[in-house]
Amino acid sequence: MRKHQYLDIICSVCDCNHRTAEDIFLQVKKSHPKVGKATIYRNLESLAEEGKLRRVPGLGGKTYYECNIKSHAHLIDDTRECCTDFPIENIKVKNIPEGYEISEICIHIAPKIP
């Protein structure tokens, strides 16, 4: 299979959700059993470098990938290992230096411990 075919398949698997490389690999492998992990990782990095996918860092070395490349924030629930988009307009930050604006925010949440 040629490189661009895997790129299209990976993009369709991501379908604007936040998925890890492992999740994407397992999904692609269902329809393309001969695909290797290295191929998926290499293509994910290529798509991210080209600006077609966004990398979202999580805890424990996990990286999520998504196809929503517009400016928005991420709310990452580390206990449930999930990532949700959060409109950046809903975030108010005081004391931003003049001439700057928020371009990206990643918030990690965990349950309150009594």
N, C-alpha and C. Protein backbone atom coordinates (compact mmCIF):
# COMPACT_ATOMS: atom_id res chain seq x y z
N MET A 1 0.84 -1.18 0.00
CA MET A 1 0.00 0.00 0.00
C MET A 1 0.89 1.25 0.00
N ARG A 2 0.50 2.25 -0.77
CA ARG A 2 1.29 3.47 -0.85
C ARG A 2 1.03 4.37 0.36
N LYS A 3 2.01 5.22 0.64
CA LYS A 3 1.97 6.07 1.82
C LYS A 3 0.69 6.89 1.91
N HIS A 4 0.28 7.53 0.82
CA HIS A 4 -0.88 8.42 0.91
C HIS A 4 -2.16 7.67 1.24
N GLN A 5 -2.22 6.38 0.90
CA GLN A 5 -3.41 5.60 1.24
C GLN A 5 -3.52 5.44 2.75
N TYR A 6 -2.41 5.21 3.44
CA TYR A 6 -2.44 5.11 4.89
C TYR A 6 -2.78 6.45 5.52
N LEU A 7 -2.31 7.53 4.93
CA LEU A 7 -2.63 8.86 5.46
C LEU A 7 -4.14 9.07 5.46
N ASP A 8 -4.79 8.72 4.37
CA ASP A 8 -6.25 8.87 4.27
C ASP A 8 -6.96 7.97 5.28
N ILE A 9 -6.49 6.75 5.42
CA ILE A 9 -7.10 5.80 6.36
C ILE A 9 -6.95 6.32 7.79
N ILE A 10 -5.77 6.79 8.14
CA ILE A 10 -5.52 7.31 9.48
C ILE A 10 -6.43 8.51 9.76
N CYS A 11 -6.56 9.40 8.80
CA CYS A 11 -7.43 10.56 8.99
C CYS A 11 -8.88 10.13 9.20
N SER A 12 -9.33 9.14 8.48
CA SER A 12 -10.71 8.69 8.65
C SER A 12 -10.91 8.00 9.99
N VAL A 13 -9.89 7.32 10.49
CA VAL A 13 -9.98 6.67 11.81
C VAL A 13 -10.00 7.71 12.92
N CYS A 14 -9.23 8.77 12.76
CA CYS A 14 -9.20 9.82 13.78
C CYS A 14 -10.56 10.51 13.91
N ASP A 15 -11.27 10.65 12.83
CA ASP A 15 -12.61 11.24 12.76
C ASP A 15 -12.90 12.30 13.82
N CYS A 16 -11.95 13.16 14.03
CA CYS A 16 -12.06 14.31 14.94
C CYS A 16 -12.23 13.93 16.40
N ASN A 17 -11.93 12.71 16.74
CA ASN A 17 -11.87 12.32 18.15
C ASN A 17 -10.42 12.33 18.60
N HIS A 18 -10.22 12.25 19.88
CA HIS A 18 -8.87 12.20 20.44
C HIS A 18 -8.50 10.74 20.62
N ARG A 19 -7.53 10.28 19.86
CA ARG A 19 -7.13 8.88 19.91
C ARG A 19 -5.62 8.78 20.06
N THR A 20 -5.19 7.75 20.76
CA THR A 20 -3.76 7.50 20.89
C THR A 20 -3.29 6.77 19.62
N ALA A 21 -1.98 6.74 19.43
CA ALA A 21 -1.42 6.02 18.28
C ALA A 21 -1.80 4.55 18.36
N GLU A 22 -1.81 4.00 19.56
CA GLU A 22 -2.18 2.59 19.74
C GLU A 22 -3.64 2.36 19.32
N ASP A 23 -4.54 3.26 19.73
CA ASP A 23 -5.95 3.15 19.32
C ASP A 23 -6.08 3.18 17.80
N ILE A 24 -5.35 4.10 17.18
CA ILE A 24 -5.40 4.24 15.73
C ILE A 24 -4.84 2.99 15.05
N PHE A 25 -3.71 2.50 15.56
CA PHE A 25 -3.10 1.29 15.01
C PHE A 25 -4.09 0.12 15.06
N LEU A 26 -4.72 -0.10 16.21
CA LEU A 26 -5.64 -1.22 16.36
C LEU A 26 -6.84 -1.09 15.43
N GLN A 27 -7.33 0.12 15.25
CA GLN A 27 -8.47 0.33 14.36
C GLN A 27 -8.09 0.08 12.90
N VAL A 28 -6.95 0.60 12.48
CA VAL A 28 -6.49 0.41 11.09
C VAL A 28 -6.20 -1.06 10.83
N LYS A 29 -5.63 -1.74 11.82
CA LYS A 29 -5.26 -3.16 11.67
C LYS A 29 -6.48 -4.04 11.38
N LYS A 30 -7.65 -3.63 11.84
CA LYS A 30 -8.86 -4.41 11.58
C LYS A 30 -9.13 -4.56 10.09
N SER A 31 -8.91 -3.48 9.34
CA SER A 31 -9.17 -3.54 7.90
C SER A 31 -7.91 -3.75 7.07
N HIS A 32 -6.75 -3.54 7.69
CA HIS A 32 -5.46 -3.71 7.00
C HIS A 32 -4.52 -4.49 7.92
N PRO A 33 -4.73 -5.81 8.04
CA PRO A 33 -4.00 -6.62 9.02
C PRO A 33 -2.48 -6.63 8.86
N LYS A 34 -1.98 -6.26 7.70
CA LYS A 34 -0.52 -6.30 7.50
C LYS A 34 0.17 -5.00 7.93
N VAL A 35 -0.59 -3.99 8.32
CA VAL A 35 0.03 -2.71 8.69
C VAL A 35 0.85 -2.88 9.97
N GLY A 36 1.99 -2.22 10.03
CA GLY A 36 2.84 -2.27 11.21
C GLY A 36 2.69 -1.01 12.05
N LYS A 37 3.05 -1.12 13.32
CA LYS A 37 2.98 0.04 14.21
C LYS A 37 3.87 1.17 13.71
N ALA A 38 5.04 0.83 13.23
CA ALA A 38 5.97 1.87 12.76
C ALA A 38 5.35 2.68 11.62
N THR A 39 4.60 2.03 10.76
CA THR A 39 3.94 2.73 9.66
C THR A 39 2.93 3.73 10.19
N ILE A 40 2.16 3.31 11.18
CA ILE A 40 1.15 4.20 11.77
C ILE A 40 1.84 5.37 12.46
N TYR A 41 2.83 5.10 13.29
CA TYR A 41 3.53 6.17 14.00
C TYR A 41 4.18 7.15 13.02
N ARG A 42 4.82 6.63 12.00
CA ARG A 42 5.49 7.47 11.01
C ARG A 42 4.48 8.37 10.29
N ASN A 43 3.35 7.80 9.92
CA ASN A 43 2.33 8.57 9.22
C ASN A 43 1.64 9.58 10.14
N LEU A 44 1.45 9.23 11.40
CA LEU A 44 0.89 10.19 12.35
C LEU A 44 1.80 11.40 12.50
N GLU A 45 3.09 11.14 12.62
CA GLU A 45 4.05 12.24 12.74
C GLU A 45 4.06 13.09 11.48
N SER A 46 3.98 12.45 10.34
CA SER A 46 3.95 13.18 9.06
C SER A 46 2.71 14.07 8.98
N LEU A 47 1.55 13.53 9.36
CA LEU A 47 0.31 14.31 9.34
C LEU A 47 0.38 15.48 10.32
N ALA A 48 0.97 15.24 11.49
CA ALA A 48 1.10 16.31 12.48
C ALA A 48 2.04 17.40 11.97
N GLU A 49 3.15 17.00 11.37
CA GLU A 49 4.10 17.97 10.83
C GLU A 49 3.48 18.80 9.71
N GLU A 50 2.61 18.18 8.92
CA GLU A 50 1.95 18.87 7.81
C GLU A 50 0.78 19.73 8.29
N GLY A 51 0.44 19.64 9.58
CA GLY A 51 -0.66 20.43 10.13
C GLY A 51 -2.03 19.84 9.86
N LYS A 52 -2.09 18.56 9.49
CA LYS A 52 -3.37 17.92 9.21
C LYS A 52 -3.95 17.24 10.45
N LEU A 53 -3.11 16.93 11.41
CA LEU A 53 -3.52 16.40 12.70
C LEU A 53 -2.82 17.21 13.78
N ARG A 54 -3.40 17.21 14.97
CA ARG A 54 -2.78 17.90 16.10
C ARG A 54 -2.40 16.87 17.15
N ARG A 55 -1.22 17.05 17.73
CA ARG A 55 -0.78 16.23 18.86
C ARG A 55 -1.28 16.89 20.14
N VAL A 56 -1.82 16.08 21.04
CA VAL A 56 -2.26 16.58 22.35
C VAL A 56 -1.54 15.75 23.40
N PRO A 57 -0.63 16.36 24.16
CA PRO A 57 0.10 15.59 25.17
C PRO A 57 -0.79 15.22 26.35
N GLY A 58 -0.66 13.97 26.80
CA GLY A 58 -1.37 13.51 27.98
C GLY A 58 -0.37 13.06 29.03
N LEU A 59 -0.85 12.53 30.13
CA LEU A 59 0.04 12.04 31.18
C LEU A 59 0.59 10.67 30.84
N GLY A 60 1.66 10.31 31.49
CA GLY A 60 2.24 8.98 31.30
C GLY A 60 2.83 8.78 29.92
N GLY A 61 3.20 9.86 29.26
CA GLY A 61 3.81 9.74 27.95
C GLY A 61 2.84 9.52 26.81
N LYS A 62 1.53 9.48 27.11
CA LYS A 62 0.55 9.29 26.04
C LYS A 62 0.42 10.57 25.23
N THR A 63 0.22 10.38 23.95
CA THR A 63 -0.08 11.49 23.06
C THR A 63 -1.37 11.15 22.35
N TYR A 64 -2.29 12.09 22.35
CA TYR A 64 -3.54 11.95 21.62
C TYR A 64 -3.40 12.68 20.29
N TYR A 65 -4.10 12.20 19.29
CA TYR A 65 -4.11 12.84 17.98
C TYR A 65 -5.55 13.19 17.64
N GLU A 66 -5.74 14.33 16.98
CA GLU A 66 -7.08 14.75 16.57
C GLU A 66 -6.99 15.50 15.26
N CYS A 67 -8.11 15.56 14.54
CA CYS A 67 -8.11 16.27 13.26
C CYS A 67 -8.64 17.69 13.38
N ASN A 68 -9.10 18.10 14.56
CA ASN A 68 -9.54 19.48 14.76
C ASN A 68 -8.31 20.34 14.99
N ILE A 69 -7.89 21.07 13.97
CA ILE A 69 -6.66 21.86 14.09
C ILE A 69 -6.96 23.33 14.36
N LYS A 70 -8.25 23.67 14.52
CA LYS A 70 -8.61 25.05 14.88
C LYS A 70 -8.20 25.31 16.32
N SER A 71 -8.05 26.58 16.67
CA SER A 71 -7.64 26.95 18.02
C SER A 71 -8.72 26.58 19.03
N HIS A 72 -8.36 25.76 20.00
CA HIS A 72 -9.27 25.37 21.08
C HIS A 72 -8.45 24.81 22.23
N ALA A 73 -9.10 24.67 23.37
CA ALA A 73 -8.44 24.13 24.56
C ALA A 73 -8.78 22.66 24.71
N HIS A 74 -8.01 21.97 25.54
CA HIS A 74 -8.27 20.56 25.84
C HIS A 74 -8.45 20.38 27.33
N LEU A 75 -9.46 19.62 27.68
CA LEU A 75 -9.71 19.24 29.06
C LEU A 75 -9.38 17.76 29.13
N ILE A 76 -8.30 17.42 29.83
CA ILE A 76 -7.83 16.03 29.89
C ILE A 76 -8.12 15.46 31.26
N ASP A 77 -8.93 14.41 31.29
CA ASP A 77 -9.26 13.71 32.53
C ASP A 77 -8.28 12.54 32.65
N ASP A 78 -7.30 12.70 33.53
CA ASP A 78 -6.24 11.70 33.65
C ASP A 78 -6.72 10.40 34.26
N THR A 79 -7.76 10.45 35.11
CA THR A 79 -8.23 9.21 35.73
C THR A 79 -9.03 8.36 34.75
N ARG A 80 -9.79 9.00 33.87
CA ARG A 80 -10.57 8.25 32.89
C ARG A 80 -9.85 8.13 31.56
N GLU A 81 -8.66 8.74 31.48
CA GLU A 81 -7.85 8.71 30.26
C GLU A 81 -8.65 9.13 29.04
N CYS A 82 -9.25 10.33 29.14
CA CYS A 82 -9.97 10.86 27.99
C CYS A 82 -9.66 12.34 27.82
N CYS A 83 -9.87 12.81 26.64
CA CYS A 83 -9.56 14.19 26.28
C CYS A 83 -10.78 14.78 25.57
N THR A 84 -11.18 15.99 25.99
CA THR A 84 -12.35 16.64 25.43
C THR A 84 -11.99 18.04 24.95
N ASP A 85 -12.54 18.43 23.83
CA ASP A 85 -12.34 19.81 23.36
C ASP A 85 -13.13 20.76 24.25
N PHE A 86 -12.58 21.94 24.44
CA PHE A 86 -13.19 22.96 25.28
C PHE A 86 -13.01 24.29 24.56
N PRO A 87 -14.12 25.01 24.30
CA PRO A 87 -13.98 26.27 23.56
C PRO A 87 -13.05 27.25 24.27
N ILE A 88 -12.07 27.73 23.57
CA ILE A 88 -11.09 28.63 24.15
C ILE A 88 -11.72 29.96 24.58
N GLU A 89 -12.84 30.32 23.95
CA GLU A 89 -13.53 31.56 24.30
C GLU A 89 -14.07 31.52 25.73
N ASN A 90 -14.29 30.32 26.28
CA ASN A 90 -14.82 30.17 27.63
C ASN A 90 -13.77 30.36 28.71
N ILE A 91 -12.53 30.53 28.32
CA ILE A 91 -11.44 30.64 29.29
C ILE A 91 -11.02 32.10 29.42
N LYS A 92 -11.03 32.56 30.65
CA LYS A 92 -10.62 33.93 30.93
C LYS A 92 -9.30 33.89 31.70
N VAL A 93 -8.28 34.50 31.15
CA VAL A 93 -6.97 34.55 31.80
C VAL A 93 -6.62 36.02 32.02
N LYS A 94 -6.27 36.34 33.25
CA LYS A 94 -5.91 37.72 33.58
C LYS A 94 -4.41 37.93 33.35
N ASN A 95 -4.06 39.17 33.16
CA ASN A 95 -2.66 39.61 33.08
C ASN A 95 -1.89 39.03 31.90
N ILE A 96 -2.55 38.84 30.78
CA ILE A 96 -1.82 38.44 29.57
C ILE A 96 -1.07 39.69 29.09
N PRO A 97 0.22 39.56 28.82
CA PRO A 97 0.99 40.72 28.37
C PRO A 97 0.38 41.34 27.10
N GLU A 98 0.47 42.64 27.01
CA GLU A 98 -0.06 43.35 25.85
C GLU A 98 0.59 42.82 24.57
N GLY A 99 -0.24 42.64 23.56
CA GLY A 99 0.26 42.14 22.28
C GLY A 99 0.22 40.63 22.17
N TYR A 100 -0.26 39.93 23.22
CA TYR A 100 -0.34 38.47 23.20
C TYR A 100 -1.78 38.03 23.35
N GLU A 101 -2.06 36.82 22.90
CA GLU A 101 -3.37 36.22 23.08
C GLU A 101 -3.20 34.73 23.32
N ILE A 102 -4.21 34.10 23.88
CA ILE A 102 -4.17 32.66 24.12
C ILE A 102 -4.31 31.96 22.77
N SER A 103 -3.39 31.07 22.48
CA SER A 103 -3.49 30.31 21.23
C SER A 103 -3.79 28.84 21.49
N GLU A 104 -3.39 28.35 22.66
CA GLU A 104 -3.63 26.95 22.99
C GLU A 104 -3.52 26.77 24.49
N ILE A 105 -4.42 25.96 25.05
CA ILE A 105 -4.40 25.65 26.48
C ILE A 105 -4.71 24.17 26.63
N CYS A 106 -4.02 23.51 27.54
CA CYS A 106 -4.27 22.11 27.85
C CYS A 106 -4.43 22.02 29.37
N ILE A 107 -5.60 21.60 29.83
CA ILE A 107 -5.90 21.53 31.25
C ILE A 107 -6.06 20.06 31.64
N HIS A 108 -5.30 19.62 32.64
CA HIS A 108 -5.45 18.26 33.16
C HIS A 108 -6.33 18.33 34.40
N ILE A 109 -7.31 17.43 34.49
CA ILE A 109 -8.17 17.39 35.67
C ILE A 109 -8.09 16.02 36.32
N ALA A 110 -8.37 16.00 37.60
CA ALA A 110 -8.41 14.75 38.36
C ALA A 110 -9.51 14.92 39.41
N PRO A 111 -10.10 13.82 39.88
CA PRO A 111 -11.17 13.96 40.87
C PRO A 111 -10.63 14.53 42.18
N LYS A 112 -11.51 15.27 42.86
CA LYS A 112 -11.15 15.80 44.17
C LYS A 112 -11.03 14.65 45.15
N ILE A 113 -10.02 14.71 45.98
CA ILE A 113 -9.84 13.68 47.01
C ILE A 113 -10.23 14.31 48.34
N PRO A 114 -11.28 13.76 48.98
CA PRO A 114 -11.76 14.37 50.24
C PRO A 114 -10.75 14.29 51.37
